[in-house]
Amino acid sequence: MSGAKQNTLGQAALSNNLANASTPGFRSDYTQSRSMGVYGDYYPTRAYAMTERPASDLREGPLMETGRDMDVAIAGEGWFAVVGPDGQEAYTRAGELSVAPDGRLMNASGLQLIGDGGPVVLPEFEKIDISRAGIVSIQPTGDVPAGIAEPVQLKLVNPDPQDLEKGEDGLFRFRDPNQGPAVAEPQVSLINGFVEGSNVNAVSELTGLIALNRQYEMQVKLMKRVDENAATTTQLLSAQ
């Protein structure tokens, strides 16, 4: 029963991976469980399936060229700092950027990017440029080409991956709530005109999903067989 339950959770995780196979910057989740004996005052005659704390695959996804000025991908290790749905700082690899009508610099998930002075808000502009170092420069509306507004430095970070975990919203945060926010890392660089794709291997995820489904069916059949054996035993005892 506990094994069937964990297989159900594993299928949900793999299904979520498959659903995000085309989501820019998505990091797939691992699934893992193991048997654990039940210890008490007597001999451990039972074992249950126990879920290990799942981790995420932090390997880089493929780079997809878009040619769009506001599409940027992180070269190597590193993260964009964004304002999460809870209002706190969180980290992502998604670099499909755009500017909202009120000037906020957002990614495709509707999350506002953070700069060296806090959440990034830009004035109206005619032209925008994002350098490899993450410096956002604009030419304000109505200004001559020489009139360039003060540039904004995006907050690019590179904390220890072991200190991060992915939340249900797909964003990464520090495991320890008392740790952070991460400090800016000047060594993180960007690639213009590209976005990083999901690192999900659709074939591997589908194969794993099929394997978990077969295990689930086997465990359900075992539960039915145990129930049938119990019913037969009851009939035999009643006949005596």
Protein backbone atom coordinates (compact mmCIF):
# COMPACT_ATOMS: atom_id res chain seq x y z
CA MET A 1 0.00 0.00 0.00
CA SER A 2 2.74 2.46 0.91
CA GLY A 3 4.65 1.50 -2.25
CA ALA A 4 1.59 2.18 -4.40
CA LYS A 5 1.19 5.56 -2.70
CA GLN A 6 4.80 6.53 -3.41
CA ASN A 7 4.48 5.38 -7.01
CA THR A 8 1.48 7.66 -7.37
CA LEU A 9 3.53 10.58 -6.09
CA GLY A 10 6.36 9.61 -8.45
CA GLN A 11 3.99 9.54 -11.42
CA ALA A 12 2.76 13.02 -10.50
CA ALA A 13 6.35 14.32 -10.44
CA LEU A 14 7.23 12.76 -13.81
CA SER A 15 3.96 14.02 -15.32
CA ASN A 16 4.86 17.53 -14.15
CA ASN A 17 8.30 17.16 -15.78
CA LEU A 18 6.71 16.13 -19.08
CA ALA A 19 4.25 19.01 -18.90
CA ASN A 20 7.18 21.43 -18.63
CA ALA A 21 9.36 19.88 -21.32
CA SER A 22 9.05 23.11 -23.35
CA THR A 23 9.10 25.59 -20.44
CA PRO A 24 12.20 27.86 -20.69
CA GLY A 25 14.64 27.43 -17.81
CA PHE A 26 12.66 24.58 -16.18
CA ARG A 27 14.59 22.11 -13.99
CA SER A 28 13.24 18.56 -13.82
CA ASP A 29 12.58 16.82 -10.51
CA TYR A 30 13.99 13.48 -9.42
CA THR A 31 11.81 10.83 -7.77
CA GLN A 32 13.14 8.40 -5.20
CA SER A 33 11.85 6.10 -2.46
CA ARG A 34 13.29 3.18 -0.51
CA SER A 35 12.18 0.47 1.86
CA MET A 36 12.32 1.18 5.58
CA GLY A 37 11.81 -1.43 8.27
CA VAL A 38 9.40 -0.70 11.11
CA TYR A 39 11.29 -1.02 14.40
CA GLY A 40 9.65 -1.47 17.76
CA ASP A 41 9.90 -3.59 20.89
CA TYR A 42 10.05 -6.80 18.86
CA TYR A 43 11.47 -8.02 15.56
CA PRO A 44 11.05 -5.73 12.51
CA THR A 45 8.64 -7.89 10.50
CA ARG A 46 7.25 -5.08 8.33
CA ALA A 47 8.79 -2.74 5.76
CA TYR A 48 7.20 0.29 4.20
CA ALA A 49 8.12 2.51 1.28
CA MET A 50 9.59 5.79 2.45
CA THR A 51 9.96 8.83 0.23
CA GLU A 52 13.37 10.47 0.16
CA ARG A 53 13.44 14.24 -0.10
CA PRO A 54 13.30 14.83 -3.85
CA ALA A 55 15.94 16.92 -5.56
CA SER A 56 16.04 18.74 -8.87
CA ASP A 57 18.27 18.15 -11.86
CA LEU A 58 20.36 21.33 -12.13
CA ARG A 59 22.06 20.48 -15.40
CA GLU A 60 21.82 23.18 -18.06
CA GLY A 61 19.13 23.02 -20.70
CA PRO A 62 19.74 23.56 -24.42
CA LEU A 63 20.17 27.10 -25.75
CA MET A 64 17.56 28.16 -28.28
CA GLU A 65 18.32 31.10 -30.54
CA THR A 66 15.51 33.66 -30.86
CA GLY A 67 17.36 36.74 -32.10
CA ARG A 68 15.19 38.85 -29.78
CA ASP A 69 17.05 41.66 -27.98
CA MET A 70 15.34 41.00 -24.66
CA ASP A 71 15.87 37.24 -24.64
CA VAL A 72 18.91 36.33 -22.55
CA ALA A 73 20.32 33.06 -21.25
CA ILE A 74 22.82 32.53 -18.47
CA ALA A 75 26.15 31.17 -19.70
CA GLY A 76 27.12 28.33 -17.37
CA GLU A 77 26.15 28.48 -13.72
CA GLY A 78 24.06 31.22 -12.16
CA TRP A 79 20.52 32.49 -11.63
CA PHE A 80 18.32 35.53 -12.22
CA ALA A 81 16.94 37.04 -9.01
CA VAL A 82 13.19 37.72 -9.21
CA VAL A 83 10.37 38.73 -6.89
CA GLY A 84 8.45 35.55 -6.11
CA PRO A 85 4.65 35.32 -5.72
CA ASP A 86 5.19 35.61 -1.95
CA GLY A 87 7.00 38.91 -2.41
CA GLN A 88 10.35 37.40 -1.42
CA GLU A 89 13.47 37.00 -3.52
CA ALA A 90 13.66 33.79 -5.53
CA TYR A 91 15.83 32.44 -8.35
CA THR A 92 15.15 31.21 -11.86
CA ARG A 93 16.90 30.51 -15.16
CA ALA A 94 14.05 31.79 -17.34
CA GLY A 95 15.28 34.71 -19.44
CA GLU A 96 12.39 35.62 -21.76
CA LEU A 97 12.15 39.25 -20.69
CA SER A 98 9.65 41.97 -21.46
CA VAL A 99 8.59 45.33 -20.05
CA ALA A 100 5.11 45.72 -18.56
CA PRO A 101 3.02 48.85 -19.33
CA ASP A 102 4.03 50.27 -15.94
CA GLY A 103 7.73 49.81 -16.72
CA ARG A 104 8.43 46.71 -14.66
CA LEU A 105 10.99 44.34 -16.19
CA MET A 106 9.33 40.91 -16.20
CA ASN A 107 10.06 37.39 -17.38
CA ALA A 108 7.61 35.17 -19.28
CA SER A 109 6.16 33.88 -15.98
CA GLY A 110 5.15 37.40 -14.95
CA LEU A 111 7.85 37.70 -12.29
CA GLN A 112 9.65 41.03 -11.84
CA LEU A 113 13.43 40.94 -12.07
CA ILE A 114 15.58 42.37 -9.31
CA GLY A 115 18.47 44.75 -9.94
CA ASP A 116 21.17 46.31 -7.83
CA GLY A 117 18.65 48.79 -6.45
CA GLY A 118 15.70 46.44 -5.98
CA PRO A 119 12.91 45.42 -8.38
CA VAL A 120 13.67 46.84 -11.84
CA VAL A 121 11.35 49.55 -13.20
CA LEU A 122 12.27 51.26 -16.48
CA PRO A 123 11.05 54.57 -17.93
CA GLU A 124 9.57 54.71 -21.41
CA PHE A 125 12.21 53.94 -23.99
CA GLU A 126 12.82 53.63 -27.70
CA LYS A 127 15.65 51.15 -27.53
CA ILE A 128 16.94 48.71 -24.93
CA ASP A 129 20.16 46.74 -24.64
CA ILE A 130 21.19 44.05 -22.16
CA SER A 131 24.93 43.41 -21.96
CA ARG A 132 26.67 40.14 -21.19
CA ALA A 133 27.29 41.44 -17.67
CA GLY A 134 23.55 41.96 -17.15
CA ILE A 135 23.59 45.76 -17.49
CA VAL A 136 20.31 47.11 -18.89
CA SER A 137 20.76 50.29 -20.94
CA ILE A 138 17.93 52.20 -22.60
CA GLN A 139 17.43 55.16 -24.87
CA PRO A 140 14.51 57.09 -23.34
CA THR A 141 11.60 58.12 -25.54
CA GLY A 142 12.15 61.48 -27.22
CA ASP A 143 15.84 61.72 -26.35
CA VAL A 144 18.51 61.98 -28.96
CA PRO A 145 20.59 58.79 -29.43
CA ALA A 146 23.32 60.26 -27.26
CA GLY A 147 20.91 60.69 -24.36
CA ILE A 148 21.15 57.36 -22.60
CA ALA A 149 19.40 56.85 -19.25
CA GLU A 150 21.32 55.56 -16.25
CA PRO A 151 21.91 51.80 -16.74
CA VAL A 152 20.55 49.19 -14.36
CA GLN A 153 22.55 46.16 -13.23
CA LEU A 154 20.48 42.97 -13.04
CA LYS A 155 21.08 40.90 -9.93
CA LEU A 156 22.76 37.71 -11.09
CA VAL A 157 23.66 35.23 -8.36
CA ASN A 158 25.42 31.90 -8.07
CA PRO A 159 24.85 30.34 -4.62
CA ASP A 160 25.89 26.78 -3.76
CA PRO A 161 23.37 24.48 -5.50
CA GLN A 162 23.24 22.30 -2.39
CA ASP A 163 21.74 25.23 -0.47
CA LEU A 164 18.82 25.60 -2.90
CA GLU A 165 15.55 23.76 -3.30
CA LYS A 166 12.69 24.17 -5.74
CA GLY A 167 9.29 25.24 -4.49
CA GLU A 168 5.88 24.27 -5.83
CA ASP A 169 5.91 27.45 -7.95
CA GLY A 170 9.01 26.23 -9.83
CA LEU A 171 11.30 28.86 -8.28
CA PHE A 172 14.42 28.10 -6.28
CA ARG A 173 15.03 29.39 -2.77
CA PHE A 174 17.40 28.64 0.08
CA ARG A 175 16.60 25.47 2.04
CA ASP A 176 17.35 27.31 5.25
CA PRO A 177 14.79 30.14 5.60
CA ASN A 178 17.30 32.03 7.73
CA GLN A 179 19.84 32.03 4.89
CA GLY A 180 19.91 34.56 2.08
CA PRO A 181 19.25 36.52 0.08
CA ALA A 182 22.13 35.56 -2.19
CA VAL A 183 24.82 38.11 -2.98
CA ALA A 184 25.33 39.31 -6.54
CA GLU A 185 28.01 37.43 -8.46
CA PRO A 186 29.81 39.56 -11.07
CA GLN A 187 31.26 36.48 -12.77
CA VAL A 188 27.84 35.35 -14.05
CA SER A 189 27.41 36.34 -17.69
CA LEU A 190 24.56 36.33 -20.21
CA ILE A 191 24.13 35.32 -23.83
CA ASN A 192 21.95 37.70 -25.85
CA GLY A 193 19.35 36.51 -28.35
CA PHE A 194 19.01 33.08 -26.74
CA VAL A 195 16.79 31.47 -24.13
CA GLU A 196 17.62 28.36 -22.16
CA GLY A 197 15.20 25.52 -22.72
CA SER A 198 13.97 22.95 -20.23
CA ASN A 199 16.44 20.24 -19.23
CA VAL A 200 13.68 17.59 -19.23
CA ASN A 201 14.49 14.46 -21.25
CA ALA A 202 11.04 13.58 -22.53
CA VAL A 203 11.96 10.03 -23.53
CA SER A 204 13.50 9.26 -20.12
CA GLU A 205 10.54 10.78 -18.26
CA LEU A 206 8.00 8.85 -20.34
CA THR A 207 9.90 5.59 -19.81
CA GLY A 208 10.00 6.21 -16.07
CA LEU A 209 6.29 7.01 -16.05
CA ILE A 210 5.47 3.70 -17.74
CA ALA A 211 7.69 1.79 -15.28
CA LEU A 212 6.03 3.41 -12.25
CA ASN A 213 2.60 2.70 -13.67
CA ARG A 214 3.45 -1.00 -14.04
CA GLN A 215 4.77 -1.12 -10.48
CA TYR A 216 1.58 0.52 -9.26
CA GLU A 217 -0.58 -2.06 -11.06
CA MET A 218 1.50 -4.89 -9.56
CA GLN A 219 1.11 -3.50 -6.05
CA VAL A 220 -2.66 -3.08 -6.46
CA LYS A 221 -2.91 -6.71 -7.64
CA LEU A 222 -0.95 -7.82 -4.57
CA MET A 223 -3.35 -5.95 -2.30
CA LYS A 224 -6.29 -7.65 -4.01
CA ARG A 225 -4.62 -11.05 -3.65
CA VAL A 226 -4.03 -10.47 0.06
CA ASP A 227 -7.67 -9.50 0.43
CA GLU A 228 -8.77 -12.65 -1.38
CA ASN A 229 -6.52 -14.80 0.81
CA ALA A 230 -7.93 -13.17 3.95
CA ALA A 231 -11.49 -13.84 2.74
CA THR A 232 -10.64 -17.49 2.00
CA THR A 233 -9.06 -17.91 5.42
CA THR A 234 -12.17 -16.48 7.06
CA GLN A 235 -14.36 -18.94 5.15
CA LEU A 236 -12.20 -21.87 6.22
CA LEU A 237 -12.31 -20.82 9.86
CA SER A 238 -16.08 -20.37 9.67
CA ALA A 239 -16.49 -23.85 8.16
CA GLN A 240 -14.68 -25.39 11.14
